[in-house]
Amino acid sequence: MKPIRFHDFRRTYATLAIAQGLDIRLVTERLGHAHPSITLDVYAHVLNDQRKRAAISLDGLLGAAASAATGAATGGDTRILTGEKAG
């Protein structure tokens, strides 16, 4: 089993804290970095993953909002939008 160094715990903490949405200034302070830009440079990969998840979430929210708006506008009857005749 490979020994775990203190630095490994530090990086794990920072990665998980950023991934969970902890304010970057707080993470910077806890890591002892002089500026948030240092933390952001080192842990950019975590932020890229968050951006991807946010884009997926936004897409889902917009899709749900569009479906809700469509249903509300048509009283839930999608035949109005498709041109399908009742009956």
N, C-alpha and C. Protein backbone atom coordinates (compact mmCIF):
# COMPACT_ATOMS: atom_id res chain seq x y z
N MET A 1 0.84 -1.17 0.00
CA MET A 1 0.00 0.00 0.00
C MET A 1 0.89 1.25 0.00
N LYS A 2 0.55 2.16 -0.87
CA LYS A 2 1.34 3.38 -1.01
C LYS A 2 1.05 4.32 0.18
N PRO A 3 2.09 4.88 0.78
CA PRO A 3 1.86 5.81 1.89
C PRO A 3 1.15 7.08 1.41
N ILE A 4 0.31 7.62 2.27
CA ILE A 4 -0.42 8.85 1.96
C ILE A 4 0.30 10.01 2.63
N ARG A 5 0.63 11.01 1.83
CA ARG A 5 1.33 12.18 2.36
C ARG A 5 0.32 13.23 2.81
N PHE A 6 0.77 14.13 3.68
CA PHE A 6 -0.08 15.22 4.13
C PHE A 6 -0.59 16.02 2.94
N HIS A 7 0.26 16.25 1.96
CA HIS A 7 -0.12 17.03 0.78
C HIS A 7 -1.28 16.37 0.03
N ASP A 8 -1.33 15.03 0.05
CA ASP A 8 -2.43 14.31 -0.60
C ASP A 8 -3.76 14.63 0.09
N PHE A 9 -3.75 14.68 1.42
CA PHE A 9 -4.96 15.03 2.16
C PHE A 9 -5.38 16.47 1.84
N ARG A 10 -4.40 17.33 1.75
CA ARG A 10 -4.66 18.74 1.46
C ARG A 10 -5.34 18.90 0.10
N ARG A 11 -4.80 18.22 -0.91
CA ARG A 11 -5.37 18.31 -2.25
C ARG A 11 -6.76 17.68 -2.31
N THR A 12 -6.93 16.59 -1.59
CA THR A 12 -8.24 15.94 -1.54
C THR A 12 -9.26 16.87 -0.90
N TYR A 13 -8.89 17.49 0.23
CA TYR A 13 -9.78 18.43 0.89
C TYR A 13 -10.17 19.56 -0.08
N ALA A 14 -9.19 20.17 -0.72
CA ALA A 14 -9.45 21.30 -1.60
C ALA A 14 -10.35 20.90 -2.76
N THR A 15 -10.07 19.76 -3.36
CA THR A 15 -10.87 19.29 -4.49
C THR A 15 -12.32 19.05 -4.08
N LEU A 16 -12.51 18.37 -2.95
CA LEU A 16 -13.87 18.09 -2.49
C LEU A 16 -14.60 19.35 -2.06
N ALA A 17 -13.89 20.26 -1.39
CA ALA A 17 -14.51 21.51 -0.94
C ALA A 17 -14.99 22.34 -2.11
N ILE A 18 -14.17 22.46 -3.13
CA ILE A 18 -14.55 23.24 -4.32
C ILE A 18 -15.70 22.54 -5.05
N ALA A 19 -15.61 21.22 -5.17
CA ALA A 19 -16.66 20.46 -5.85
C ALA A 19 -18.00 20.59 -5.14
N GLN A 20 -17.97 20.76 -3.82
CA GLN A 20 -19.20 20.91 -3.05
C GLN A 20 -19.71 22.35 -3.03
N GLY A 21 -18.96 23.25 -3.66
CA GLY A 21 -19.43 24.63 -3.76
C GLY A 21 -18.97 25.55 -2.65
N LEU A 22 -18.01 25.12 -1.85
CA LEU A 22 -17.49 26.00 -0.81
C LEU A 22 -16.86 27.23 -1.46
N ASP A 23 -17.10 28.38 -0.90
CA ASP A 23 -16.59 29.63 -1.46
C ASP A 23 -15.08 29.55 -1.67
N ILE A 24 -14.65 29.93 -2.84
CA ILE A 24 -13.23 29.81 -3.21
C ILE A 24 -12.34 30.64 -2.28
N ARG A 25 -12.87 31.74 -1.77
CA ARG A 25 -12.06 32.57 -0.85
C ARG A 25 -11.80 31.83 0.45
N LEU A 26 -12.79 31.07 0.91
CA LEU A 26 -12.61 30.29 2.13
C LEU A 26 -11.60 29.16 1.90
N VAL A 27 -11.71 28.49 0.77
CA VAL A 27 -10.75 27.43 0.44
C VAL A 27 -9.35 28.01 0.36
N THR A 28 -9.22 29.17 -0.29
CA THR A 28 -7.93 29.85 -0.41
C THR A 28 -7.33 30.12 0.96
N GLU A 29 -8.18 30.65 1.84
CA GLU A 29 -7.72 30.97 3.20
C GLU A 29 -7.26 29.72 3.94
N ARG A 30 -8.05 28.65 3.85
CA ARG A 30 -7.71 27.41 4.56
C ARG A 30 -6.45 26.75 4.01
N LEU A 31 -6.20 26.92 2.72
CA LEU A 31 -5.00 26.34 2.13
C LEU A 31 -3.77 27.21 2.35
N GLY A 32 -3.99 28.47 2.74
CA GLY A 32 -2.87 29.38 2.96
C GLY A 32 -2.34 30.01 1.68
N HIS A 33 -3.14 29.98 0.62
CA HIS A 33 -2.72 30.64 -0.62
C HIS A 33 -2.85 32.15 -0.44
N ALA A 34 -1.97 32.88 -1.08
CA ALA A 34 -1.97 34.33 -0.96
C ALA A 34 -3.16 34.97 -1.66
N HIS A 35 -3.62 34.37 -2.76
CA HIS A 35 -4.70 34.95 -3.55
C HIS A 35 -5.61 33.83 -4.08
N PRO A 36 -6.90 34.11 -4.23
CA PRO A 36 -7.81 33.11 -4.82
C PRO A 36 -7.36 32.67 -6.21
N SER A 37 -6.68 33.53 -6.94
CA SER A 37 -6.24 33.15 -8.28
C SER A 37 -5.28 31.96 -8.25
N ILE A 38 -4.50 31.84 -7.21
CA ILE A 38 -3.60 30.69 -7.07
C ILE A 38 -4.42 29.41 -6.92
N THR A 39 -5.41 29.46 -6.04
CA THR A 39 -6.27 28.30 -5.82
C THR A 39 -7.01 27.94 -7.11
N LEU A 40 -7.51 28.96 -7.78
CA LEU A 40 -8.24 28.72 -9.03
C LEU A 40 -7.34 28.11 -10.10
N ASP A 41 -6.10 28.54 -10.17
CA ASP A 41 -5.17 27.97 -11.14
C ASP A 41 -4.87 26.49 -10.85
N VAL A 42 -4.66 26.19 -9.57
CA VAL A 42 -4.28 24.83 -9.19
C VAL A 42 -5.46 23.86 -9.35
N TYR A 43 -6.66 24.33 -9.03
CA TYR A 43 -7.82 23.45 -9.02
C TYR A 43 -8.80 23.73 -10.15
N ALA A 44 -8.30 24.22 -11.25
CA ALA A 44 -9.15 24.55 -12.41
C ALA A 44 -9.91 23.33 -12.91
N HIS A 45 -9.31 22.15 -12.82
CA HIS A 45 -9.98 20.93 -13.30
C HIS A 45 -11.30 20.68 -12.58
N VAL A 46 -11.36 21.02 -11.30
CA VAL A 46 -12.59 20.84 -10.53
C VAL A 46 -13.65 21.81 -11.04
N LEU A 47 -13.24 23.03 -11.31
CA LEU A 47 -14.17 24.04 -11.79
C LEU A 47 -14.69 23.70 -13.18
N ASN A 48 -13.84 23.10 -14.02
CA ASN A 48 -14.29 22.68 -15.35
C ASN A 48 -15.39 21.62 -15.24
N ASP A 49 -15.22 20.69 -14.30
CA ASP A 49 -16.25 19.67 -14.08
C ASP A 49 -17.55 20.32 -13.62
N GLN A 50 -17.43 21.32 -12.74
CA GLN A 50 -18.62 22.02 -12.26
C GLN A 50 -19.31 22.76 -13.40
N ARG A 51 -18.55 23.35 -14.29
CA ARG A 51 -19.14 24.05 -15.44
C ARG A 51 -19.95 23.09 -16.30
N LYS A 52 -19.41 21.90 -16.52
CA LYS A 52 -20.12 20.90 -17.32
C LYS A 52 -21.43 20.51 -16.64
N ARG A 53 -21.37 20.27 -15.32
CA ARG A 53 -22.59 19.90 -14.59
C ARG A 53 -23.60 21.03 -14.61
N ALA A 54 -23.11 22.27 -14.50
CA ALA A 54 -24.02 23.42 -14.52
C ALA A 54 -24.70 23.55 -15.88
N ALA A 55 -23.96 23.30 -16.94
CA ALA A 55 -24.55 23.38 -18.28
C ALA A 55 -25.62 22.31 -18.46
N ILE A 56 -25.35 21.12 -17.97
CA ILE A 56 -26.33 20.04 -18.06
C ILE A 56 -27.55 20.39 -17.23
N SER A 57 -27.34 20.94 -16.04
CA SER A 57 -28.45 21.32 -15.17
C SER A 57 -29.28 22.42 -15.81
N LEU A 58 -28.62 23.41 -16.39
CA LEU A 58 -29.32 24.51 -17.03
C LEU A 58 -30.15 24.00 -18.20
N ASP A 59 -29.58 23.09 -18.96
CA ASP A 59 -30.30 22.51 -20.09
C ASP A 59 -31.56 21.79 -19.60
N GLY A 60 -31.43 21.05 -18.51
CA GLY A 60 -32.59 20.37 -17.94
C GLY A 60 -33.64 21.34 -17.42
N LEU A 61 -33.18 22.41 -16.78
CA LEU A 61 -34.12 23.41 -16.26
C LEU A 61 -34.86 24.10 -17.39
N LEU A 62 -34.12 24.46 -18.44
CA LEU A 62 -34.76 25.13 -19.56
C LEU A 62 -35.74 24.21 -20.27
N GLY A 63 -35.37 22.96 -20.39
CA GLY A 63 -36.27 21.99 -21.02
C GLY A 63 -37.54 21.81 -20.20
N ALA A 64 -37.39 21.72 -18.87
CA ALA A 64 -38.55 21.57 -18.00
C ALA A 64 -39.41 22.83 -18.04
N ALA A 65 -38.78 24.00 -18.07
CA ALA A 65 -39.52 25.25 -18.13
C ALA A 65 -40.29 25.35 -19.44
N ALA A 66 -39.66 24.96 -20.52
CA ALA A 66 -40.32 25.00 -21.82
C ALA A 66 -41.51 24.05 -21.86
N SER A 67 -41.34 22.87 -21.29
CA SER A 67 -42.45 21.90 -21.26
C SER A 67 -43.60 22.43 -20.42
N ALA A 68 -43.26 23.03 -19.28
CA ALA A 68 -44.29 23.58 -18.40
C ALA A 68 -45.02 24.72 -19.08
N ALA A 69 -44.27 25.58 -19.77
CA ALA A 69 -44.89 26.72 -20.46
C ALA A 69 -45.77 26.24 -21.59
N THR A 70 -45.32 25.23 -22.31
CA THR A 70 -46.11 24.68 -23.42
C THR A 70 -47.40 24.08 -22.90
N GLY A 71 -47.28 23.32 -21.82
CA GLY A 71 -48.47 22.71 -21.23
C GLY A 71 -49.45 23.75 -20.71
N ALA A 72 -48.92 24.81 -20.11
CA ALA A 72 -49.78 25.86 -19.58
C ALA A 72 -50.46 26.62 -20.71
N ALA A 73 -49.74 26.87 -21.79
CA ALA A 73 -50.28 27.64 -22.91
C ALA A 73 -51.37 26.87 -23.66
N THR A 74 -51.26 25.56 -23.64
CA THR A 74 -52.22 24.75 -24.39
C THR A 74 -53.21 24.04 -23.49
N GLY A 75 -53.13 24.33 -22.20
CA GLY A 75 -54.00 23.60 -21.27
C GLY A 75 -53.65 22.13 -21.20
N GLY A 76 -52.40 21.82 -21.52
CA GLY A 76 -51.93 20.44 -21.49
C GLY A 76 -52.25 19.68 -22.77
N ASP A 77 -52.93 20.30 -23.70
CA ASP A 77 -53.30 19.63 -24.95
C ASP A 77 -52.27 19.95 -26.02
N THR A 78 -51.33 19.02 -26.23
CA THR A 78 -50.25 19.25 -27.19
C THR A 78 -50.71 19.11 -28.63
N ARG A 79 -51.92 18.65 -28.87
CA ARG A 79 -52.42 18.53 -30.23
C ARG A 79 -52.48 19.90 -30.91
N ILE A 80 -52.67 20.93 -30.09
CA ILE A 80 -52.72 22.30 -30.63
C ILE A 80 -51.40 22.64 -31.31
N LEU A 81 -50.30 22.19 -30.70
CA LEU A 81 -48.98 22.52 -31.25
C LEU A 81 -48.62 21.64 -32.43
N THR A 82 -49.10 20.41 -32.44
CA THR A 82 -48.71 19.49 -33.51
C THR A 82 -49.66 19.54 -34.70
N GLY A 83 -50.79 20.21 -34.53
CA GLY A 83 -51.76 20.27 -35.61
C GLY A 83 -52.66 19.04 -35.68
N GLU A 84 -52.51 18.15 -34.69
CA GLU A 84 -53.32 16.93 -34.66
C GLU A 84 -54.75 17.30 -34.33
N LYS A 85 -55.69 16.65 -34.97
CA LYS A 85 -57.11 16.95 -34.73
C LYS A 85 -57.66 16.09 -33.60
N ALA A 86 -58.54 16.67 -32.86
CA ALA A 86 -59.19 15.94 -31.75
C ALA A 86 -60.09 14.86 -32.33
N GLY A 87 -60.23 13.81 -31.55
CA GLY A 87 -61.21 12.83 -31.98
C GLY A 87 -60.63 11.55 -32.25
